[in-house]
Amino acid sequence: MKNKKISQSFLKNYNDYKGKKLCGLKFKAQHFDNLEFPTTLPMDLGNYFEYVATGCLPRNGVKPEPKISYVGTKREAMSTPYVRANESAELFKKIKEAYKIEIVDVGLKLESKNKNGILDIWAEMDGRPCIIDLKYSGLIDDKWAETGWDVESLHYKERLLVQAIQYKMLVKENYGLNYDEFDFLFMVFSSKEVHNVKFIRINIDEDAYRVHENHISSIFKQINAMNIEKDFIPYPSINSCSKCPLYSTCEYKSDIPLIEDVYYGG
């Protein structure tokens, strides 16, 4: 097998697997067998929003279509969540004009010796190069969820910020720009309120790049030394197995809760 390069989504899932929060067989199916897993409504809305906003197709290359309510009746119309997504996409275009954002490319694939990634938007804002990552979220003001976008607590949320570090490193490695010569920004749109939008520039300490590169290098070596067909460990649970597309053929699936031990006292 050709050496597997590490994307930010691969990194998040691998960390979940090592923490026994994700089954190894599901991880393998997603990242090595290229099995397409069912999408959720939030994922579908996000893909639709981004397509209308930028024209960029999702990873599977299929044009997102809005969901229709009351099909075949006089009330047939685009469902309300998709109406909001359309309105948010139009608002994005207004924001783009207001900030003098000139889009150079969308869905830009970059890679280096051990990592890769796909930039939503590579652009210039008022003449300065920048990466803009679009998010369409129901957690735009959430302080506690690990994928919540409350700005005051955002610096604690490595699961979100690792994307900024990875993509800035990829741009530097591909285009030779110094980190202080371009920006990374999240533009986060609420899926519940059209006019609740955040535009967040991520400022990264130099040490964070070194830490990230060491982490990526370690995982790159681990992954590419593994026997992909044999080394991943299953972590079954009644909840995760019931929703897994591997369920019907998996010999490790669980249909009942497994006993977990808790130790108390000296």
C-alpha atoms as a PDB file:
ATOM      1  CA  MET A   1       0.000   0.000   0.000  1.00  0.00           C
ATOM      2  CA  LYS A   2       1.179   3.515  -0.823  1.00  0.00           C
ATOM      3  CA  ASN A   3       2.019   5.513   2.297  1.00  0.00           C
ATOM      4  CA  LYS A   4      -1.133   6.871   3.883  1.00  0.00           C
ATOM      5  CA  LYS A   5      -1.001  10.641   4.403  1.00  0.00           C
ATOM      6  CA  ILE A   6      -2.726  12.196   7.394  1.00  0.00           C
ATOM      7  CA  SER A   7      -5.689  14.536   6.952  1.00  0.00           C
ATOM      8  CA  GLN A   8      -7.182  16.513   9.807  1.00  0.00           C
ATOM      9  CA  SER A   9     -10.308  14.328   9.782  1.00  0.00           C
ATOM     10  CA  PHE A  10      -8.122  11.178   9.797  1.00  0.00           C
ATOM     11  CA  LEU A  11      -6.200  12.616  12.754  1.00  0.00           C
ATOM     12  CA  LYS A  12      -9.375  13.296  14.753  1.00  0.00           C
ATOM     13  CA  ASN A  13     -10.761   9.827  14.066  1.00  0.00           C
ATOM     14  CA  TYR A  14      -7.436   8.139  14.841  1.00  0.00           C
ATOM     15  CA  ASN A  15      -7.257   9.951  18.181  1.00  0.00           C
ATOM     16  CA  ASP A  16     -10.822   8.752  18.884  1.00  0.00           C
ATOM     17  CA  TYR A  17      -9.798   5.200  17.973  1.00  0.00           C
ATOM     18  CA  LYS A  18      -6.738   5.292  20.243  1.00  0.00           C
ATOM     19  CA  GLY A  19      -8.997   6.574  23.028  1.00  0.00           C
ATOM     20  CA  LYS A  20     -11.400   3.657  22.382  1.00  0.00           C
ATOM     21  CA  LYS A  21     -14.152   6.071  21.367  1.00  0.00           C
ATOM     22  CA  LEU A  22     -14.255   4.752  17.790  1.00  0.00           C
ATOM     23  CA  CYS A  23     -14.242   1.140  16.641  1.00  0.00           C
ATOM     24  CA  GLY A  24     -11.114   0.202  14.727  1.00  0.00           C
ATOM     25  CA  LEU A  25     -13.124  -1.635  12.067  1.00  0.00           C
ATOM     26  CA  LYS A  26     -15.251   1.446  11.429  1.00  0.00           C
ATOM     27  CA  PHE A  27     -12.115   3.601  11.274  1.00  0.00           C
ATOM     28  CA  LYS A  28     -10.556   1.217   8.741  1.00  0.00           C
ATOM     29  CA  ALA A  29     -13.737   1.168   6.638  1.00  0.00           C
ATOM     30  CA  GLN A  30     -13.866   4.962   6.524  1.00  0.00           C
ATOM     31  CA  HIS A  31     -10.231   5.745   5.853  1.00  0.00           C
ATOM     32  CA  PHE A  32      -8.790   2.700   4.090  1.00  0.00           C
ATOM     33  CA  ASP A  33     -11.705   0.889   2.431  1.00  0.00           C
ATOM     34  CA  ASN A  34     -13.345   4.171   1.313  1.00  0.00           C
ATOM     35  CA  LEU A  35     -16.763   2.983   2.440  1.00  0.00           C
ATOM     36  CA  GLU A  36     -19.248   5.819   2.137  1.00  0.00           C
ATOM     37  CA  PHE A  37     -21.168   6.106   5.395  1.00  0.00           C
ATOM     38  CA  PRO A  38     -24.721   7.473   5.579  1.00  0.00           C
ATOM     39  CA  THR A  39     -24.896  11.231   6.040  1.00  0.00           C
ATOM     40  CA  THR A  40     -26.859  13.071   8.713  1.00  0.00           C
ATOM     41  CA  LEU A  41     -29.228  16.008   8.223  1.00  0.00           C
ATOM     42  CA  PRO A  42     -26.647  18.511   9.580  1.00  0.00           C
ATOM     43  CA  MET A  43     -24.060  17.127   7.118  1.00  0.00           C
ATOM     44  CA  ASP A  44     -26.533  17.357   4.230  1.00  0.00           C
ATOM     45  CA  LEU A  45     -27.442  20.933   5.150  1.00  0.00           C
ATOM     46  CA  GLY A  46     -23.766  21.898   5.419  1.00  0.00           C
ATOM     47  CA  ASN A  47     -22.955  20.404   2.024  1.00  0.00           C
ATOM     48  CA  TYR A  48     -25.955  22.147   0.445  1.00  0.00           C
ATOM     49  CA  PHE A  49     -25.080  25.497   2.041  1.00  0.00           C
ATOM     50  CA  GLU A  50     -21.468  25.309   0.867  1.00  0.00           C
ATOM     51  CA  TYR A  51     -22.476  24.312  -2.662  1.00  0.00           C
ATOM     52  CA  VAL A  52     -24.908  27.233  -3.006  1.00  0.00           C
ATOM     53  CA  ALA A  53     -22.395  29.641  -1.421  1.00  0.00           C
ATOM     54  CA  THR A  54     -19.295  28.655  -3.413  1.00  0.00           C
ATOM     55  CA  GLY A  55     -20.266  26.121  -6.079  1.00  0.00           C
ATOM     56  CA  CYS A  56     -17.993  23.508  -4.480  1.00  0.00           C
ATOM     57  CA  LEU A  57     -19.276  19.925  -4.637  1.00  0.00           C
ATOM     58  CA  PRO A  58     -18.983  17.662  -1.561  1.00  0.00           C
ATOM     59  CA  ARG A  59     -16.307  14.957  -1.404  1.00  0.00           C
ATOM     60  CA  ASN A  60     -18.506  12.371  -3.145  1.00  0.00           C
ATOM     61  CA  GLY A  61     -18.902  14.641  -6.185  1.00  0.00           C
ATOM     62  CA  VAL A  62     -22.718  14.534  -6.071  1.00  0.00           C
ATOM     63  CA  LYS A  63     -24.611  17.823  -6.374  1.00  0.00           C
ATOM     64  CA  PRO A  64     -26.546  18.445  -3.135  1.00  0.00           C
ATOM     65  CA  GLU A  65     -30.278  18.896  -3.592  1.00  0.00           C
ATOM     66  CA  PRO A  66     -32.698  20.536  -1.159  1.00  0.00           C
ATOM     67  CA  LYS A  67     -35.285  18.469   0.671  1.00  0.00           C
ATOM     68  CA  ILE A  68     -38.899  19.110  -0.320  1.00  0.00           C
ATOM     69  CA  SER A  69     -41.768  19.121   2.170  1.00  0.00           C
ATOM     70  CA  TYR A  70     -45.350  18.035   1.492  1.00  0.00           C
ATOM     71  CA  VAL A  71     -44.430  16.435  -1.836  1.00  0.00           C
ATOM     72  CA  GLY A  72     -47.416  15.995  -4.169  1.00  0.00           C
ATOM     73  CA  THR A  73     -49.656  18.405  -2.295  1.00  0.00           C
ATOM     74  CA  LYS A  74     -50.590  22.055  -2.760  1.00  0.00           C
ATOM     75  CA  ARG A  75     -48.209  22.880   0.103  1.00  0.00           C
ATOM     76  CA  GLU A  76     -45.189  21.354  -1.666  1.00  0.00           C
ATOM     77  CA  ALA A  77     -42.171  23.585  -1.027  1.00  0.00           C
ATOM     78  CA  MET A  78     -38.518  23.541  -0.066  1.00  0.00           C
ATOM     79  CA  SER A  79     -38.194  22.497   3.573  1.00  0.00           C
ATOM     80  CA  THR A  80     -37.538  25.287   6.051  1.00  0.00           C
ATOM     81  CA  PRO A  81     -33.969  24.247   7.012  1.00  0.00           C
ATOM     82  CA  TYR A  82     -32.966  24.374   3.338  1.00  0.00           C
ATOM     83  CA  VAL A  83     -34.646  27.762   2.888  1.00  0.00           C
ATOM     84  CA  ARG A  84     -32.443  29.046   5.737  1.00  0.00           C
ATOM     85  CA  ALA A  85     -29.379  27.453   4.121  1.00  0.00           C
ATOM     86  CA  ASN A  86     -30.153  29.312   0.879  1.00  0.00           C
ATOM     87  CA  GLU A  87     -30.521  32.588   2.762  1.00  0.00           C
ATOM     88  CA  SER A  88     -27.234  31.969   4.599  1.00  0.00           C
ATOM     89  CA  ALA A  89     -25.483  31.296   1.277  1.00  0.00           C
ATOM     90  CA  GLU A  90     -26.746  34.627  -0.062  1.00  0.00           C
ATOM     91  CA  LEU A  91     -25.521  36.320   3.115  1.00  0.00           C
ATOM     92  CA  PHE A  92     -22.090  34.759   2.553  1.00  0.00           C
ATOM     93  CA  LYS A  93     -21.940  36.448  -0.842  1.00  0.00           C
ATOM     94  CA  LYS A  94     -22.728  39.823   0.777  1.00  0.00           C
ATOM     95  CA  ILE A  95     -20.036  39.279   3.410  1.00  0.00           C
ATOM     96  CA  LYS A  96     -17.577  38.345   0.666  1.00  0.00           C
ATOM     97  CA  GLU A  97     -18.205  41.644  -1.087  1.00  0.00           C
ATOM     98  CA  ALA A  98     -18.059  43.678   2.130  1.00  0.00           C
ATOM     99  CA  TYR A  99     -14.647  42.257   3.085  1.00  0.00           C
ATOM    100  CA  LYS A 100     -13.321  42.467  -0.495  1.00  0.00           C
ATOM    101  CA  ILE A 101     -12.727  38.723  -0.610  1.00  0.00           C
ATOM    102  CA  GLU A 102     -11.516  37.496  -3.997  1.00  0.00           C
ATOM    103  CA  ILE A 103     -11.831  33.721  -4.249  1.00  0.00           C
ATOM    104  CA  VAL A 104      -8.852  32.109  -5.973  1.00  0.00           C
ATOM    105  CA  ASP A 105      -9.964  28.482  -5.641  1.00  0.00           C
ATOM    106  CA  VAL A 106     -12.498  26.282  -3.827  1.00  0.00           C
ATOM    107  CA  GLY A 107     -12.066  22.658  -2.788  1.00  0.00           C
ATOM    108  CA  LEU A 108      -8.297  23.084  -3.152  1.00  0.00           C
ATOM    109  CA  LYS A 109      -6.409  19.825  -2.480  1.00  0.00           C
ATOM    110  CA  LEU A 110      -2.968  20.197  -0.921  1.00  0.00           C
ATOM    111  CA  GLU A 111      -0.495  17.609   0.327  1.00  0.00           C
ATOM    112  CA  SER A 112       3.028  17.328   1.703  1.00  0.00           C
ATOM    113  CA  LYS A 113       5.259  14.391   2.601  1.00  0.00           C
ATOM    114  CA  ASN A 114       3.039  13.186   5.453  1.00  0.00           C
ATOM    115  CA  LYS A 115      -0.201  15.184   5.461  1.00  0.00           C
ATOM    116  CA  ASN A 116      -2.985  16.370   3.178  1.00  0.00           C
ATOM    117  CA  GLY A 117      -6.143  18.440   3.253  1.00  0.00           C
ATOM    118  CA  ILE A 118      -8.841  20.144   1.206  1.00  0.00           C
ATOM    119  CA  LEU A 119      -9.279  23.892   1.669  1.00  0.00           C
ATOM    120  CA  ASP A 120     -12.852  25.163   1.373  1.00  0.00           C
ATOM    121  CA  ILE A 121     -11.675  28.517   0.066  1.00  0.00           C
ATOM    122  CA  TRP A 122      -8.259  29.875  -0.892  1.00  0.00           C
ATOM    123  CA  ALA A 123      -8.653  33.599  -1.353  1.00  0.00           C
ATOM    124  CA  GLU A 124      -7.315  37.103  -0.944  1.00  0.00           C
ATOM    125  CA  MET A 125      -9.019  39.421   1.516  1.00  0.00           C
ATOM    126  CA  ASP A 126      -8.256  43.041   0.847  1.00  0.00           C
ATOM    127  CA  GLY A 127      -5.170  41.809  -1.043  1.00  0.00           C
ATOM    128  CA  ARG A 128      -3.871  39.469   1.698  1.00  0.00           C
ATOM    129  CA  PRO A 129      -3.842  35.668   1.098  1.00  0.00           C
ATOM    130  CA  CYS A 130      -6.135  33.673   3.343  1.00  0.00           C
ATOM    131  CA  ILE A 131      -7.786  30.325   3.947  1.00  0.00           C
ATOM    132  CA  ILE A 132     -11.501  30.549   4.744  1.00  0.00           C
ATOM    133  CA  ASP A 133     -13.233  27.487   6.135  1.00  0.00           C
ATOM    134  CA  LEU A 134     -17.021  27.545   6.070  1.00  0.00           C
ATOM    135  CA  LYS A 135     -19.028  25.992   8.895  1.00  0.00           C
ATOM    136  CA  TYR A 136     -22.794  25.565   9.076  1.00  0.00           C
ATOM    137  CA  SER A 137     -23.594  24.739  12.681  1.00  0.00           C
ATOM    138  CA  GLY A 138     -26.372  24.411  15.197  1.00  0.00           C
ATOM    139  CA  LEU A 139     -23.835  25.067  17.964  1.00  0.00           C
ATOM    140  CA  ILE A 140     -22.642  28.543  17.015  1.00  0.00           C
ATOM    141  CA  ASP A 141     -22.993  29.942  20.550  1.00  0.00           C
ATOM    142  CA  ASP A 142     -22.343  26.716  22.473  1.00  0.00           C
ATOM    143  CA  LYS A 143     -19.644  27.086  25.117  1.00  0.00           C
ATOM    144  CA  TRP A 144     -19.448  23.488  26.357  1.00  0.00           C
ATOM    145  CA  ALA A 145     -19.733  21.144  23.370  1.00  0.00           C
ATOM    146  CA  GLU A 146     -16.390  20.208  21.820  1.00  0.00           C
ATOM    147  CA  THR A 147     -17.727  21.407  18.462  1.00  0.00           C
ATOM    148  CA  GLY A 148     -19.381  24.562  19.842  1.00  0.00           C
ATOM    149  CA  TRP A 149     -18.293  27.938  18.465  1.00  0.00           C
ATOM    150  CA  ASP A 150     -18.429  30.190  21.527  1.00  0.00           C
ATOM    151  CA  VAL A 151     -15.398  32.418  20.906  1.00  0.00           C
ATOM    152  CA  GLU A 152     -14.398  32.839  24.558  1.00  0.00           C
ATOM    153  CA  SER A 153     -13.889  29.082  25.004  1.00  0.00           C
ATOM    154  CA  LEU A 154     -12.719  28.287  21.469  1.00  0.00           C
ATOM    155  CA  HIS A 155      -9.013  28.285  22.322  1.00  0.00           C
ATOM    156  CA  TYR A 156      -9.598  25.143  24.432  1.00  0.00           C
ATOM    157  CA  LYS A 157     -11.122  23.185  21.545  1.00  0.00           C
ATOM    158  CA  GLU A 158      -8.310  21.325  19.837  1.00  0.00           C
ATOM    159  CA  ARG A 159     -10.767  19.243  17.809  1.00  0.00           C
ATOM    160  CA  LEU A 160     -11.796  22.408  15.943  1.00  0.00           C
ATOM    161  CA  LEU A 161      -8.497  24.290  15.886  1.00  0.00           C
ATOM    162  CA  VAL A 162      -6.338  21.425  14.591  1.00  0.00           C
ATOM    163  CA  GLN A 163      -7.764  22.184  11.151  1.00  0.00           C
ATOM    164  CA  ALA A 164      -6.313  25.695  11.215  1.00  0.00           C
ATOM    165  CA  ILE A 165      -2.840  24.428  12.131  1.00  0.00           C
ATOM    166  CA  GLN A 166      -2.856  21.638   9.542  1.00  0.00           C
ATOM    167  CA  TYR A 167      -4.049  23.864   6.703  1.00  0.00           C
ATOM    168  CA  LYS A 168      -1.635  26.686   7.455  1.00  0.00           C
ATOM    169  CA  MET A 169       1.219  24.172   7.452  1.00  0.00           C
ATOM    170  CA  LEU A 170       0.053  22.778   4.106  1.00  0.00           C
ATOM    171  CA  VAL A 171      -0.081  26.230   2.538  1.00  0.00           C
ATOM    172  CA  LYS A 172       3.407  27.051   3.790  1.00  0.00           C
ATOM    173  CA  GLU A 173       4.762  23.738   2.509  1.00  0.00           C
ATOM    174  CA  ASN A 174       3.101  24.101  -0.899  1.00  0.00           C
ATOM    175  CA  TYR A 175       3.415  27.824  -1.601  1.00  0.00           C
ATOM    176  CA  GLY A 176       6.427  28.852   0.483  1.00  0.00           C
ATOM    177  CA  LEU A 177       4.547  31.574   2.383  1.00  0.00           C
ATOM    178  CA  ASN A 178       5.597  32.377   5.935  1.00  0.00           C
ATOM    179  CA  TYR A 179       2.905  31.921   8.558  1.00  0.00           C
ATOM    180  CA  ASP A 180       2.651  35.679   9.133  1.00  0.00           C
ATOM    181  CA  GLU A 181       2.019  36.309   5.427  1.00  0.00           C
ATOM    182  CA  PHE A 182      -1.463  34.766   5.282  1.00  0.00           C
ATOM    183  CA  ASP A 183      -4.427  34.090   7.556  1.00  0.00           C
ATOM    184  CA  PHE A 184      -6.764  31.259   8.493  1.00  0.00           C
ATOM    185  CA  LEU A 185     -10.368  32.209   9.210  1.00  0.00           C
ATOM    186  CA  PHE A 186     -13.502  30.276  10.111  1.00  0.00           C
ATOM    187  CA  MET A 187     -16.761  31.752   8.812  1.00  0.00           C
ATOM    188  CA  VAL A 188     -19.452  30.094  10.915  1.00  0.00           C
ATOM    189  CA  PHE A 189     -23.144  30.325  10.005  1.00  0.00           C
ATOM    190  CA  SER A 190     -25.938  29.287  12.334  1.00  0.00           C
ATOM    191  CA  SER A 191     -28.265  26.637  10.935  1.00  0.00           C
ATOM    192  CA  LYS A 192     -31.021  28.035  13.183  1.00  0.00           C
ATOM    193  CA  GLU A 193     -30.763  31.816  12.687  1.00  0.00           C
ATOM    194  CA  VAL A 194     -29.687  33.220   9.324  1.00  0.00           C
ATOM    195  CA  HIS A 195     -28.160  36.395  10.729  1.00  0.00           C
ATOM    196  CA  ASN A 196     -26.142  34.734  13.448  1.00  0.00           C
ATOM    197  CA  VAL A 197     -22.710  34.551  11.818  1.00  0.00           C
ATOM    198  CA  LYS A 198     -19.160  34.614  13.197  1.00  0.00           C
ATOM    199  CA  PHE A 199     -15.982  35.446  11.279  1.00  0.00           C
ATOM    200  CA  ILE A 200     -13.051  34.186  13.347  1.00  0.00           C
ATOM    201  CA  ARG A 201      -9.353  34.639  12.583  1.00  0.00           C
ATOM    202  CA  ILE A 202      -7.191  31.957  14.254  1.00  0.00           C
ATOM    203  CA  ASN A 203      -3.818  33.204  15.520  1.00  0.00           C
ATOM    204  CA  ILE A 204      -1.441  30.307  16.141  1.00  0.00           C
ATOM    205  CA  ASP A 205       1.619  30.220  18.403  1.00  0.00           C
ATOM    206  CA  GLU A 206       4.799  29.055  16.656  1.00  0.00           C
ATOM    207  CA  ASP A 207       5.231  26.180  19.126  1.00  0.00           C
ATOM    208  CA  ALA A 208       1.868  24.738  18.079  1.00  0.00           C
ATOM    209  CA  TYR A 209       3.209  24.031  14.593  1.00  0.00           C
ATOM    210  CA  ARG A 210       6.148  22.080  16.010  1.00  0.00           C
ATOM    211  CA  VAL A 211       3.892  20.062  18.324  1.00  0.00           C
ATOM    212  CA  HIS A 212       1.496  19.301  15.479  1.00  0.00           C
ATOM    213  CA  GLU A 213       4.269  18.224  13.110  1.00  0.00           C
ATOM    214  CA  ASN A 214       5.683  15.857  15.741  1.00  0.00           C
ATOM    215  CA  HIS A 215       2.223  14.370  16.312  1.00  0.00           C
ATOM    216  CA  ILE A 216       1.565  13.944  12.585  1.00  0.00           C
ATOM    217  CA  SER A 217       5.001  12.373  12.036  1.00  0.00           C
ATOM    218  CA  SER A 218       4.401   9.891  14.852  1.00  0.00           C
ATOM    219  CA  ILE A 219       0.978   8.833  13.524  1.00  0.00           C
ATOM    220  CA  PHE A 220       2.292   8.661   9.955  1.00  0.00           C
ATOM    221  CA  LYS A 221       4.965   6.185  11.077  1.00  0.00           C
ATOM    222  CA  GLN A 222       2.504   4.164  13.188  1.00  0.00           C
ATOM    223  CA  ILE A 223      -0.105   3.878  10.446  1.00  0.00           C
ATOM    224  CA  ASN A 224       2.311   2.999   7.678  1.00  0.00           C
ATOM    225  CA  ALA A 225       3.941   0.288   9.789  1.00  0.00           C
ATOM    226  CA  MET A 226       0.610  -1.434  10.522  1.00  0.00           C
ATOM    227  CA  ASN A 227      -0.947  -4.452   8.895  1.00  0.00           C
ATOM    228  CA  ILE A 228      -4.097  -2.646   7.844  1.00  0.00           C
ATOM    229  CA  GLU A 229      -6.124  -5.849   7.417  1.00  0.00           C
ATOM    230  CA  LYS A 230      -5.307  -7.279  10.848  1.00  0.00           C
ATOM    231  CA  ASP A 231      -4.125  -4.660  13.332  1.00  0.00           C
ATOM    232  CA  PHE A 232      -7.213  -2.519  13.960  1.00  0.00           C
ATOM    233  CA  ILE A 233      -9.074  -3.504  17.144  1.00  0.00           C
ATOM    234  CA  PRO A 234     -12.888  -3.590  17.230  1.00  0.00           C
ATOM    235  CA  TYR A 235     -14.606  -1.712  20.058  1.00  0.00           C
ATOM    236  CA  PRO A 236     -18.240  -2.861  19.875  1.00  0.00           C
ATOM    237  CA  SER A 237     -21.086  -1.290  21.814  1.00  0.00           C
ATOM    238  CA  ILE A 238     -24.823  -1.750  21.478  1.00  0.00           C
ATOM    239  CA  ASN A 239     -25.304   1.927  20.618  1.00  0.00           C
ATOM    240  CA  SER A 240     -22.565   2.391  18.025  1.00  0.00           C
ATOM    241  CA  CYS A 241     -23.082  -1.035  16.442  1.00  0.00           C
ATOM    242  CA  SER A 242     -26.808  -0.432  15.946  1.00  0.00           C
ATOM    243  CA  LYS A 243     -25.991   2.586  13.719  1.00  0.00           C
ATOM    244  CA  CYS A 244     -22.978   1.146  11.905  1.00  0.00           C
ATOM    245  CA  PRO A 245     -23.217   0.272   8.183  1.00  0.00           C
ATOM    246  CA  LEU A 246     -20.956  -2.737   8.854  1.00  0.00           C
ATOM    247  CA  TYR A 247     -23.545  -4.229  11.229  1.00  0.00           C
ATOM    248  CA  SER A 248     -24.996  -6.924   8.969  1.00  0.00           C
ATOM    249  CA  THR A 249     -21.627  -8.535   8.198  1.00  0.00           C
ATOM    250  CA  CYS A 250     -19.578  -7.749  11.326  1.00  0.00           C
ATOM    251  CA  GLU A 251     -18.627 -10.723  13.480  1.00  0.00           C
ATOM    252  CA  TYR A 252     -17.783  -8.445  16.436  1.00  0.00           C
ATOM    253  CA  LYS A 253     -21.099  -6.545  16.635  1.00  0.00           C
ATOM    254  CA  SER A 254     -22.882  -6.273  19.947  1.00  0.00           C
ATOM    255  CA  ASP A 255     -26.657  -6.539  20.354  1.00  0.00           C
ATOM    256  CA  ILE A 256     -26.605  -6.291  24.144  1.00  0.00           C
ATOM    257  CA  PRO A 257     -24.756  -3.954  26.533  1.00  0.00           C
ATOM    258  CA  LEU A 258     -21.339  -5.220  27.490  1.00  0.00           C
ATOM    259  CA  ILE A 259     -20.380  -5.340  31.185  1.00  0.00           C
ATOM    260  CA  GLU A 260     -17.984  -2.571  32.172  1.00  0.00           C
ATOM    261  CA  ASP A 261     -16.016  -2.731  35.418  1.00  0.00           C
ATOM    262  CA  VAL A 262     -15.667   0.164  37.826  1.00  0.00           C
ATOM    263  CA  TYR A 263     -13.262  -0.133  40.767  1.00  0.00           C
ATOM    264  CA  TYR A 264     -13.899   1.772  43.978  1.00  0.00           C
ATOM    265  CA  GLY A 265     -12.034   2.090  47.247  1.00  0.00           C
ATOM    266  CA  GLY A 266      -8.573   1.071  48.394  1.00  0.00           C
END
